Amino acid sequence: MKNMKVYTITGCLECYKLIQQLKVRNILFEEINVMDQPERLGELIKAGECYVHFLVKGDDALSLGDLLAKEQ
Protein backbone atom coordinates (compact mmCIF):
# COMPACT_ATOMS: atom_id res chain seq x y z
CA MET A 1 0.00 0.00 0.00
CA LYS A 2 1.38 3.39 -0.99
CA ASN A 3 0.48 5.78 1.81
CA MET A 4 3.58 7.93 1.25
CA LYS A 5 3.34 10.74 -1.29
CA VAL A 6 6.39 12.45 -2.78
CA TYR A 7 5.80 15.74 -4.57
CA THR A 8 8.35 16.42 -7.30
CA ILE A 9 9.01 18.47 -10.42
CA THR A 10 10.69 17.47 -13.66
CA GLY A 11 14.48 17.95 -13.67
CA CYS A 12 14.84 18.35 -9.90
CA LEU A 13 18.07 16.67 -8.76
CA GLU A 14 17.02 16.69 -5.10
CA CYS A 15 13.72 15.04 -6.05
CA TYR A 16 15.62 12.33 -7.93
CA LYS A 17 17.94 11.72 -4.95
CA LEU A 18 15.00 11.45 -2.57
CA ILE A 19 13.21 8.95 -4.80
CA GLN A 20 16.38 6.87 -5.11
CA GLN A 21 16.75 6.80 -1.30
CA LEU A 22 13.16 5.62 -0.90
CA LYS A 23 13.64 2.89 -3.53
CA VAL A 24 16.90 1.67 -1.92
CA ARG A 25 15.02 1.32 1.36
CA ASN A 26 12.05 -0.42 -0.32
CA ILE A 27 9.68 2.27 0.91
CA LEU A 28 6.48 2.33 -1.11
CA PHE A 29 5.41 5.76 -2.32
CA GLU A 30 3.36 7.59 -4.89
CA GLU A 31 5.31 10.15 -6.90
CA ILE A 32 3.30 13.23 -7.78
CA ASN A 33 5.01 15.41 -10.37
CA VAL A 34 3.23 18.74 -10.00
CA MET A 35 4.44 19.86 -13.43
CA ASP A 36 2.72 16.88 -15.05
CA GLN A 37 -0.25 16.98 -12.66
CA PRO A 38 -0.77 20.65 -11.74
CA GLU A 39 -4.22 19.85 -10.38
CA ARG A 40 -2.48 18.01 -7.51
CA LEU A 41 -0.59 21.13 -6.39
CA GLY A 42 -3.51 21.94 -4.09
CA GLU A 43 -2.65 18.85 -2.00
CA LEU A 44 0.83 20.22 -1.40
CA ILE A 45 -0.48 23.64 -0.44
CA LYS A 46 -3.08 22.03 1.85
CA ALA A 47 -0.24 20.29 3.65
CA GLY A 48 1.13 23.76 4.35
CA GLU A 49 4.10 23.53 2.01
CA CYS A 50 5.02 25.14 -1.26
CA TYR A 51 8.20 23.35 -2.26
CA VAL A 52 8.93 20.06 -3.96
CA HIS A 53 10.70 16.89 -2.92
CA PHE A 54 8.21 16.98 -0.12
CA LEU A 55 6.97 13.87 1.70
CA VAL A 56 3.52 13.32 3.12
CA LYS A 57 2.59 10.19 5.06
CA GLY A 58 -1.01 10.17 6.15
CA ASP A 59 -1.50 13.59 7.68
CA ASP A 60 2.18 14.01 8.60
CA ALA A 61 4.62 16.15 6.62
CA LEU A 62 8.11 14.63 6.71
CA SER A 63 11.63 15.41 5.62
CA LEU A 64 13.91 12.60 4.49
CA GLY A 65 15.75 12.97 7.82
CA ASP A 66 12.48 12.52 9.71
CA LEU A 67 11.70 9.41 7.71
CA LEU A 68 15.14 7.88 8.25
CA ALA A 69 15.01 8.63 11.99
CA LYS A 70 11.68 6.76 12.22
CA GLU A 71 13.30 3.71 10.58
CA GLN A 72 15.82 3.33 13.42
C-alpha atoms as a PDB file:
ATOM      1  CA  MET A   1       0.000   0.000   0.000  1.00  0.00           C
ATOM      2  CA  LYS A   2       1.380   3.391  -0.994  1.00  0.00           C
ATOM      3  CA  ASN A   3       0.478   5.779   1.806  1.00  0.00           C
ATOM      4  CA  MET A   4       3.581   7.926   1.251  1.00  0.00           C
ATOM      5  CA  LYS A   5       3.345  10.743  -1.289  1.00  0.00           C
ATOM      6  CA  VAL A   6       6.393  12.446  -2.782  1.00  0.00           C
ATOM      7  CA  TYR A   7       5.801  15.739  -4.569  1.00  0.00           C
ATOM      8  CA  THR A   8       8.351  16.424  -7.303  1.00  0.00           C
ATOM      9  CA  ILE A   9       9.010  18.466 -10.425  1.00  0.00           C
ATOM     10  CA  THR A  10      10.695  17.468 -13.657  1.00  0.00           C
ATOM     11  CA  GLY A  11      14.478  17.954 -13.674  1.00  0.00           C
ATOM     12  CA  CYS A  12      14.838  18.351  -9.898  1.00  0.00           C
ATOM     13  CA  LEU A  13      18.065  16.671  -8.756  1.00  0.00           C
ATOM     14  CA  GLU A  14      17.021  16.694  -5.097  1.00  0.00           C
ATOM     15  CA  CYS A  15      13.722  15.044  -6.048  1.00  0.00           C
ATOM     16  CA  TYR A  16      15.622  12.332  -7.925  1.00  0.00           C
ATOM     17  CA  LYS A  17      17.937  11.725  -4.955  1.00  0.00           C
ATOM     18  CA  LEU A  18      14.999  11.449  -2.568  1.00  0.00           C
ATOM     19  CA  ILE A  19      13.214   8.948  -4.799  1.00  0.00           C
ATOM     20  CA  GLN A  20      16.380   6.869  -5.113  1.00  0.00           C
ATOM     21  CA  GLN A  21      16.747   6.800  -1.300  1.00  0.00           C
ATOM     22  CA  LEU A  22      13.161   5.619  -0.905  1.00  0.00           C
ATOM     23  CA  LYS A  23      13.642   2.893  -3.529  1.00  0.00           C
ATOM     24  CA  VAL A  24      16.895   1.668  -1.921  1.00  0.00           C
ATOM     25  CA  ARG A  25      15.019   1.317   1.357  1.00  0.00           C
ATOM     26  CA  ASN A  26      12.050  -0.424  -0.317  1.00  0.00           C
ATOM     27  CA  ILE A  27       9.682   2.274   0.912  1.00  0.00           C
ATOM     28  CA  LEU A  28       6.478   2.325  -1.112  1.00  0.00           C
ATOM     29  CA  PHE A  29       5.415   5.756  -2.319  1.00  0.00           C
ATOM     30  CA  GLU A  30       3.362   7.590  -4.887  1.00  0.00           C
ATOM     31  CA  GLU A  31       5.313  10.147  -6.896  1.00  0.00           C
ATOM     32  CA  ILE A  32       3.300  13.229  -7.784  1.00  0.00           C
ATOM     33  CA  ASN A  33       5.010  15.407 -10.369  1.00  0.00           C
ATOM     34  CA  VAL A  34       3.226  18.743 -10.004  1.00  0.00           C
ATOM     35  CA  MET A  35       4.436  19.861 -13.429  1.00  0.00           C
ATOM     36  CA  ASP A  36       2.719  16.885 -15.052  1.00  0.00           C
ATOM     37  CA  GLN A  37      -0.251  16.975 -12.665  1.00  0.00           C
ATOM     38  CA  PRO A  38      -0.768  20.646 -11.742  1.00  0.00           C
ATOM     39  CA  GLU A  39      -4.217  19.852 -10.380  1.00  0.00           C
ATOM     40  CA  ARG A  40      -2.479  18.014  -7.509  1.00  0.00           C
ATOM     41  CA  LEU A  41      -0.588  21.134  -6.387  1.00  0.00           C
ATOM     42  CA  GLY A  42      -3.510  21.936  -4.085  1.00  0.00           C
ATOM     43  CA  GLU A  43      -2.650  18.853  -2.000  1.00  0.00           C
ATOM     44  CA  LEU A  44       0.831  20.218  -1.400  1.00  0.00           C
ATOM     45  CA  ILE A  45      -0.481  23.638  -0.443  1.00  0.00           C
ATOM     46  CA  LYS A  46      -3.083  22.029   1.845  1.00  0.00           C
ATOM     47  CA  ALA A  47      -0.235  20.287   3.655  1.00  0.00           C
ATOM     48  CA  GLY A  48       1.135  23.764   4.352  1.00  0.00           C
ATOM     49  CA  GLU A  49       4.099  23.532   2.014  1.00  0.00           C
ATOM     50  CA  CYS A  50       5.024  25.139  -1.259  1.00  0.00           C
ATOM     51  CA  TYR A  51       8.200  23.350  -2.257  1.00  0.00           C
ATOM     52  CA  VAL A  52       8.926  20.059  -3.959  1.00  0.00           C
ATOM     53  CA  HIS A  53      10.697  16.891  -2.924  1.00  0.00           C
ATOM     54  CA  PHE A  54       8.207  16.981  -0.123  1.00  0.00           C
ATOM     55  CA  LEU A  55       6.974  13.874   1.702  1.00  0.00           C
ATOM     56  CA  VAL A  56       3.519  13.325   3.118  1.00  0.00           C
ATOM     57  CA  LYS A  57       2.591  10.189   5.059  1.00  0.00           C
ATOM     58  CA  GLY A  58      -1.013  10.172   6.145  1.00  0.00           C
ATOM     59  CA  ASP A  59      -1.504  13.595   7.680  1.00  0.00           C
ATOM     60  CA  ASP A  60       2.176  14.014   8.596  1.00  0.00           C
ATOM     61  CA  ALA A  61       4.623  16.151   6.625  1.00  0.00           C
ATOM     62  CA  LEU A  62       8.112  14.631   6.706  1.00  0.00           C
ATOM     63  CA  SER A  63      11.625  15.410   5.620  1.00  0.00           C
ATOM     64  CA  LEU A  64      13.913  12.602   4.495  1.00  0.00           C
ATOM     65  CA  GLY A  65      15.747  12.970   7.817  1.00  0.00           C
ATOM     66  CA  ASP A  66      12.475  12.516   9.711  1.00  0.00           C
ATOM     67  CA  LEU A  67      11.698   9.409   7.705  1.00  0.00           C
ATOM     68  CA  LEU A  68      15.141   7.883   8.247  1.00  0.00           C
ATOM     69  CA  ALA A  69      15.010   8.627  11.991  1.00  0.00           C
ATOM     70  CA  LYS A  70      11.683   6.758  12.221  1.00  0.00           C
ATOM     71  CA  GLU A  71      13.303   3.706  10.584  1.00  0.00           C
ATOM     72  CA  GLN A  72      15.825   3.334  13.417  1.00  0.00           C
END
